[in-house]
Amino acid sequence: MSRLRVEPRVTESAIAQYLVPVVAIALTLLSGSILFSFLGKTPSAVLYTFLIEP
């Protein structure tokens, strides 16, 4: 049975450097939308209230 080894990269991935923040923001908006819809609120109205209205 072979063991899995985790080794650090020598150089950083250029694609990951730009893709990771975009994916993090998308997952945050998605999970927030799911949470607010479970609470009975319209996700777009809640996001508008938090981000645009102030």
PDB file of N, CA and C in Angstrom:
ATOM      1  N   MET A   1       0.847  -1.172   0.000  1.00  0.00           N
ATOM      2  CA  MET A   1       0.000   0.000   0.000  1.00  0.00           C
ATOM      3  C   MET A   1       0.898   1.243   0.000  1.00  0.00           C
ATOM      4  N   SER A   2       0.705   2.109  -0.997  1.00  0.00           N
ATOM      5  CA  SER A   2       1.544   3.302  -1.074  1.00  0.00           C
ATOM      6  C   SER A   2       0.977   4.418  -0.202  1.00  0.00           C
ATOM      7  N   ARG A   3       1.864   5.190   0.339  1.00  0.00           N
ATOM      8  CA  ARG A   3       1.452   6.297   1.207  1.00  0.00           C
ATOM      9  C   ARG A   3       1.410   7.576   0.383  1.00  0.00           C
ATOM     10  N   LEU A   4       0.477   8.415   0.702  1.00  0.00           N
ATOM     11  CA  LEU A   4       0.336   9.695   0.031  1.00  0.00           C
ATOM     12  C   LEU A   4       1.244  10.709   0.710  1.00  0.00           C
ATOM     13  N   ARG A   5       2.076  11.376  -0.082  1.00  0.00           N
ATOM     14  CA  ARG A   5       2.970  12.382   0.471  1.00  0.00           C
ATOM     15  C   ARG A   5       2.571  13.753  -0.056  1.00  0.00           C
ATOM     16  N   VAL A   6       2.568  14.731   0.820  1.00  0.00           N
ATOM     17  CA  VAL A   6       2.280  16.110   0.439  1.00  0.00           C
ATOM     18  C   VAL A   6       3.593  16.873   0.427  1.00  0.00           C
ATOM     19  N   GLU A   7       3.906  17.435  -0.737  1.00  0.00           N
ATOM     20  CA  GLU A   7       5.155  18.175  -0.884  1.00  0.00           C
ATOM     21  C   GLU A   7       4.844  19.596  -1.345  1.00  0.00           C
ATOM     22  N   PRO A   8       5.558  20.579  -0.815  1.00  0.00           N
ATOM     23  CA  PRO A   8       5.318  21.961  -1.246  1.00  0.00           C
ATOM     24  C   PRO A   8       5.770  22.181  -2.687  1.00  0.00           C
ATOM     25  N   ARG A   9       5.076  23.095  -3.365  1.00  0.00           N
ATOM     26  CA  ARG A   9       5.459  23.436  -4.735  1.00  0.00           C
ATOM     27  C   ARG A   9       6.717  24.300  -4.717  1.00  0.00           C
ATOM     28  N   VAL A  10       7.501  24.163  -5.751  1.00  0.00           N
ATOM     29  CA  VAL A  10       8.691  24.992  -5.887  1.00  0.00           C
ATOM     30  C   VAL A  10       8.278  26.396  -6.334  1.00  0.00           C
ATOM     31  N   THR A  11       7.327  26.464  -7.278  1.00  0.00           N
ATOM     32  CA  THR A  11       6.806  27.750  -7.755  1.00  0.00           C
ATOM     33  C   THR A  11       5.292  27.761  -7.586  1.00  0.00           C
ATOM     34  N   GLU A  12       4.743  28.961  -7.427  1.00  0.00           N
ATOM     35  CA  GLU A  12       3.300  29.088  -7.275  1.00  0.00           C
ATOM     36  C   GLU A  12       2.617  28.977  -8.637  1.00  0.00           C
ATOM     37  N   SER A  13       1.416  28.421  -8.636  1.00  0.00           N
ATOM     38  CA  SER A  13       0.641  28.311  -9.857  1.00  0.00           C
ATOM     39  C   SER A  13       0.016  29.666 -10.179  1.00  0.00           C
ATOM     40  N   ALA A  14       0.248  30.160 -11.386  1.00  0.00           N
ATOM     41  CA  ALA A  14      -0.292  31.464 -11.786  1.00  0.00           C
ATOM     42  C   ALA A  14      -1.812  31.410 -11.902  1.00  0.00           C
ATOM     43  N   ILE A  15      -2.342  30.301 -12.376  1.00  0.00           N
ATOM     44  CA  ILE A  15      -3.795  30.165 -12.513  1.00  0.00           C
ATOM     45  C   ILE A  15      -4.452  30.141 -11.138  1.00  0.00           C
ATOM     46  N   ALA A  16      -3.894  29.390 -10.220  1.00  0.00           N
ATOM     47  CA  ALA A  16      -4.464  29.294  -8.872  1.00  0.00           C
ATOM     48  C   ALA A  16      -4.415  30.632  -8.153  1.00  0.00           C
ATOM     49  N   GLN A  17      -3.426  31.425  -8.433  1.00  0.00           N
ATOM     50  CA  GLN A  17      -3.272  32.720  -7.784  1.00  0.00           C
ATOM     51  C   GLN A  17      -4.458  33.634  -8.093  1.00  0.00           C
ATOM     52  N   TYR A  18      -5.032  33.525  -9.283  1.00  0.00           N
ATOM     53  CA  TYR A  18      -6.181  34.346  -9.662  1.00  0.00           C
ATOM     54  C   TYR A  18      -7.500  33.622  -9.459  1.00  0.00           C
ATOM     55  N   LEU A  19      -7.488  32.304  -9.551  1.00  0.00           N
ATOM     56  CA  LEU A  19      -8.721  31.533  -9.486  1.00  0.00           C
ATOM     57  C   LEU A  19      -9.223  31.325  -8.059  1.00  0.00           C
ATOM     58  N   VAL A  20      -8.351  31.172  -7.104  1.00  0.00           N
ATOM     59  CA  VAL A  20      -8.749  30.899  -5.721  1.00  0.00           C
ATOM     60  C   VAL A  20      -9.605  32.018  -5.125  1.00  0.00           C
ATOM     61  N   PRO A  21      -9.253  33.290  -5.255  1.00  0.00           N
ATOM     62  CA  PRO A  21     -10.133  34.333  -4.703  1.00  0.00           C
ATOM     63  C   PRO A  21     -11.501  34.390  -5.382  1.00  0.00           C
ATOM     64  N   VAL A  22     -11.542  34.155  -6.687  1.00  0.00           N
ATOM     65  CA  VAL A  22     -12.814  34.174  -7.420  1.00  0.00           C
ATOM     66  C   VAL A  22     -13.713  33.040  -6.947  1.00  0.00           C
ATOM     67  N   VAL A  23     -13.152  31.855  -6.782  1.00  0.00           N
ATOM     68  CA  VAL A  23     -13.926  30.709  -6.298  1.00  0.00           C
ATOM     69  C   VAL A  23     -14.386  30.946  -4.866  1.00  0.00           C
ATOM     70  N   ALA A  24     -13.555  31.543  -4.039  1.00  0.00           N
ATOM     71  CA  ALA A  24     -13.930  31.823  -2.650  1.00  0.00           C
ATOM     72  C   ALA A  24     -15.104  32.795  -2.582  1.00  0.00           C
ATOM     73  N   ILE A  25     -15.078  33.837  -3.394  1.00  0.00           N
ATOM     74  CA  ILE A  25     -16.190  34.796  -3.412  1.00  0.00           C
ATOM     75  C   ILE A  25     -17.462  34.135  -3.923  1.00  0.00           C
ATOM     76  N   ALA A  26     -17.349  33.323  -4.970  1.00  0.00           N
ATOM     77  CA  ALA A  26     -18.521  32.643  -5.524  1.00  0.00           C
ATOM     78  C   ALA A  26     -19.139  31.684  -4.507  1.00  0.00           C
ATOM     79  N   LEU A  27     -18.318  30.926  -3.803  1.00  0.00           N
ATOM     80  CA  LEU A  27     -18.840  29.998  -2.796  1.00  0.00           C
ATOM     81  C   LEU A  27     -19.453  30.735  -1.613  1.00  0.00           C
ATOM     82  N   THR A  28     -18.891  31.884  -1.254  1.00  0.00           N
ATOM     83  CA  THR A  28     -19.461  32.692  -0.175  1.00  0.00           C
ATOM     84  C   THR A  28     -20.835  33.212  -0.560  1.00  0.00           C
ATOM     85  N   LEU A  29     -20.971  33.731  -1.772  1.00  0.00           N
ATOM     86  CA  LEU A  29     -22.270  34.222  -2.237  1.00  0.00           C
ATOM     87  C   LEU A  29     -23.284  33.091  -2.353  1.00  0.00           C
ATOM     88  N   LEU A  30     -22.852  31.934  -2.824  1.00  0.00           N
ATOM     89  CA  LEU A  30     -23.750  30.789  -2.957  1.00  0.00           C
ATOM     90  C   LEU A  30     -24.228  30.298  -1.601  1.00  0.00           C
ATOM     91  N   SER A  31     -23.317  30.137  -0.656  1.00  0.00           N
ATOM     92  CA  SER A  31     -23.725  29.654   0.668  1.00  0.00           C
ATOM     93  C   SER A  31     -24.591  30.682   1.386  1.00  0.00           C
ATOM     94  N   GLY A  32     -24.305  31.962   1.210  1.00  0.00           N
ATOM     95  CA  GLY A  32     -25.140  33.003   1.793  1.00  0.00           C
ATOM     96  C   GLY A  32     -26.535  33.006   1.195  1.00  0.00           C
ATOM     97  N   SER A  33     -26.620  32.815  -0.109  1.00  0.00           N
ATOM     98  CA  SER A  33     -27.923  32.763  -0.776  1.00  0.00           C
ATOM     99  C   SER A  33     -28.746  31.583  -0.286  1.00  0.00           C
ATOM    100  N   ILE A  34     -28.110  30.443  -0.113  1.00  0.00           N
ATOM    101  CA  ILE A  34     -28.818  29.261   0.398  1.00  0.00           C
ATOM    102  C   ILE A  34     -29.297  29.507   1.824  1.00  0.00           C
ATOM    103  N   LEU A  35     -28.453  30.092   2.648  1.00  0.00           N
ATOM    104  CA  LEU A  35     -28.818  30.385   4.032  1.00  0.00           C
ATOM    105  C   LEU A  35     -30.001  31.342   4.104  1.00  0.00           C
ATOM    106  N   PHE A  36     -29.957  32.422   3.339  1.00  0.00           N
ATOM    107  CA  PHE A  36     -31.047  33.395   3.378  1.00  0.00           C
ATOM    108  C   PHE A  36     -32.338  32.828   2.808  1.00  0.00           C
ATOM    109  N   SER A  37     -32.254  31.963   1.808  1.00  0.00           N
ATOM    110  CA  SER A  37     -33.480  31.368   1.277  1.00  0.00           C
ATOM    111  C   SER A  37     -34.092  30.400   2.288  1.00  0.00           C
ATOM    112  N   PHE A  38     -33.275  29.721   3.091  1.00  0.00           N
ATOM    113  CA  PHE A  38     -33.813  28.881   4.172  1.00  0.00           C
ATOM    114  C   PHE A  38     -34.493  29.727   5.244  1.00  0.00           C
ATOM    115  N   LEU A  39     -34.037  30.954   5.416  1.00  0.00           N
ATOM    116  CA  LEU A  39     -34.639  31.855   6.394  1.00  0.00           C
ATOM    117  C   LEU A  39     -35.880  32.559   5.850  1.00  0.00           C
ATOM    118  N   GLY A  40     -36.212  32.304   4.585  1.00  0.00           N
ATOM    119  CA  GLY A  40     -37.414  32.878   3.995  1.00  0.00           C
ATOM    120  C   GLY A  40     -37.217  34.252   3.394  1.00  0.00           C
ATOM    121  N   LYS A  41     -35.981  34.648   3.180  1.00  0.00           N
ATOM    122  CA  LYS A  41     -35.685  35.957   2.593  1.00  0.00           C
ATOM    123  C   LYS A  41     -35.248  35.769   1.143  1.00  0.00           C
ATOM    124  N   THR A  42     -35.496  36.766   0.327  1.00  0.00           N
ATOM    125  CA  THR A  42     -35.038  36.724  -1.054  1.00  0.00           C
ATOM    126  C   THR A  42     -33.539  37.048  -1.079  1.00  0.00           C
ATOM    127  N   PRO A  43     -32.704  36.119  -1.575  1.00  0.00           N
ATOM    128  CA  PRO A  43     -31.255  36.349  -1.544  1.00  0.00           C
ATOM    129  C   PRO A  43     -30.825  37.626  -2.264  1.00  0.00           C
ATOM    130  N   SER A  44     -31.449  37.936  -3.389  1.00  0.00           N
ATOM    131  CA  SER A  44     -31.043  39.144  -4.111  1.00  0.00           C
ATOM    132  C   SER A  44     -31.377  40.404  -3.316  1.00  0.00           C
ATOM    133  N   ALA A  45     -32.513  40.413  -2.616  1.00  0.00           N
ATOM    134  CA  ALA A  45     -32.883  41.574  -1.802  1.00  0.00           C
ATOM    135  C   ALA A  45     -31.933  41.735  -0.618  1.00  0.00           C
ATOM    136  N   VAL A  46     -31.546  40.629  -0.018  1.00  0.00           N
ATOM    137  CA  VAL A  46     -30.617  40.689   1.120  1.00  0.00           C
ATOM    138  C   VAL A  46     -29.244  41.176   0.662  1.00  0.00           C
ATOM    139  N   LEU A  47     -28.746  40.648  -0.451  1.00  0.00           N
ATOM    140  CA  LEU A  47     -27.446  41.090  -0.960  1.00  0.00           C
ATOM    141  C   LEU A  47     -27.485  42.561  -1.364  1.00  0.00           C
ATOM    142  N   TYR A  48     -28.604  43.001  -1.929  1.00  0.00           N
ATOM    143  CA  TYR A  48     -28.752  44.418  -2.266  1.00  0.00           C
ATOM    144  C   TYR A  48     -28.682  45.269  -1.000  1.00  0.00           C
ATOM    145  N   THR A  49     -29.373  44.818   0.050  1.00  0.00           N
ATOM    146  CA  THR A  49     -29.387  45.564   1.310  1.00  0.00           C
ATOM    147  C   THR A  49     -27.988  45.653   1.922  1.00  0.00           C
ATOM    148  N   PHE A  50     -27.225  44.563   1.867  1.00  0.00           N
ATOM    149  CA  PHE A  50     -25.884  44.554   2.456  1.00  0.00           C
ATOM    150  C   PHE A  50     -24.853  45.302   1.614  1.00  0.00           C
ATOM    151  N   LEU A  51     -24.918  45.159   0.295  1.00  0.00           N
ATOM    152  CA  LEU A  51     -23.834  45.647  -0.555  1.00  0.00           C
ATOM    153  C   LEU A  51     -24.100  46.986  -1.233  1.00  0.00           C
ATOM    154  N   ILE A  52     -25.326  47.262  -1.625  1.00  0.00           N
ATOM    155  CA  ILE A  52     -25.616  48.445  -2.427  1.00  0.00           C
ATOM    156  C   ILE A  52     -26.224  49.572  -1.603  1.00  0.00           C
ATOM    157  N   GLU A  53     -27.186  49.234  -0.759  1.00  0.00           N
ATOM    158  CA  GLU A  53     -27.969  50.236  -0.045  1.00  0.00           C
ATOM    159  C   GLU A  53     -27.168  51.139   0.905  1.00  0.00           C
ATOM    160  N   PRO A  54     -26.199  50.631   1.655  1.00  0.00           N
ATOM    161  CA  PRO A  54     -25.518  51.510   2.623  1.00  0.00           C
ATOM    162  C   PRO A  54     -24.863  52.652   1.912  1.00  0.00           C
TER     163      PRO A  54
END
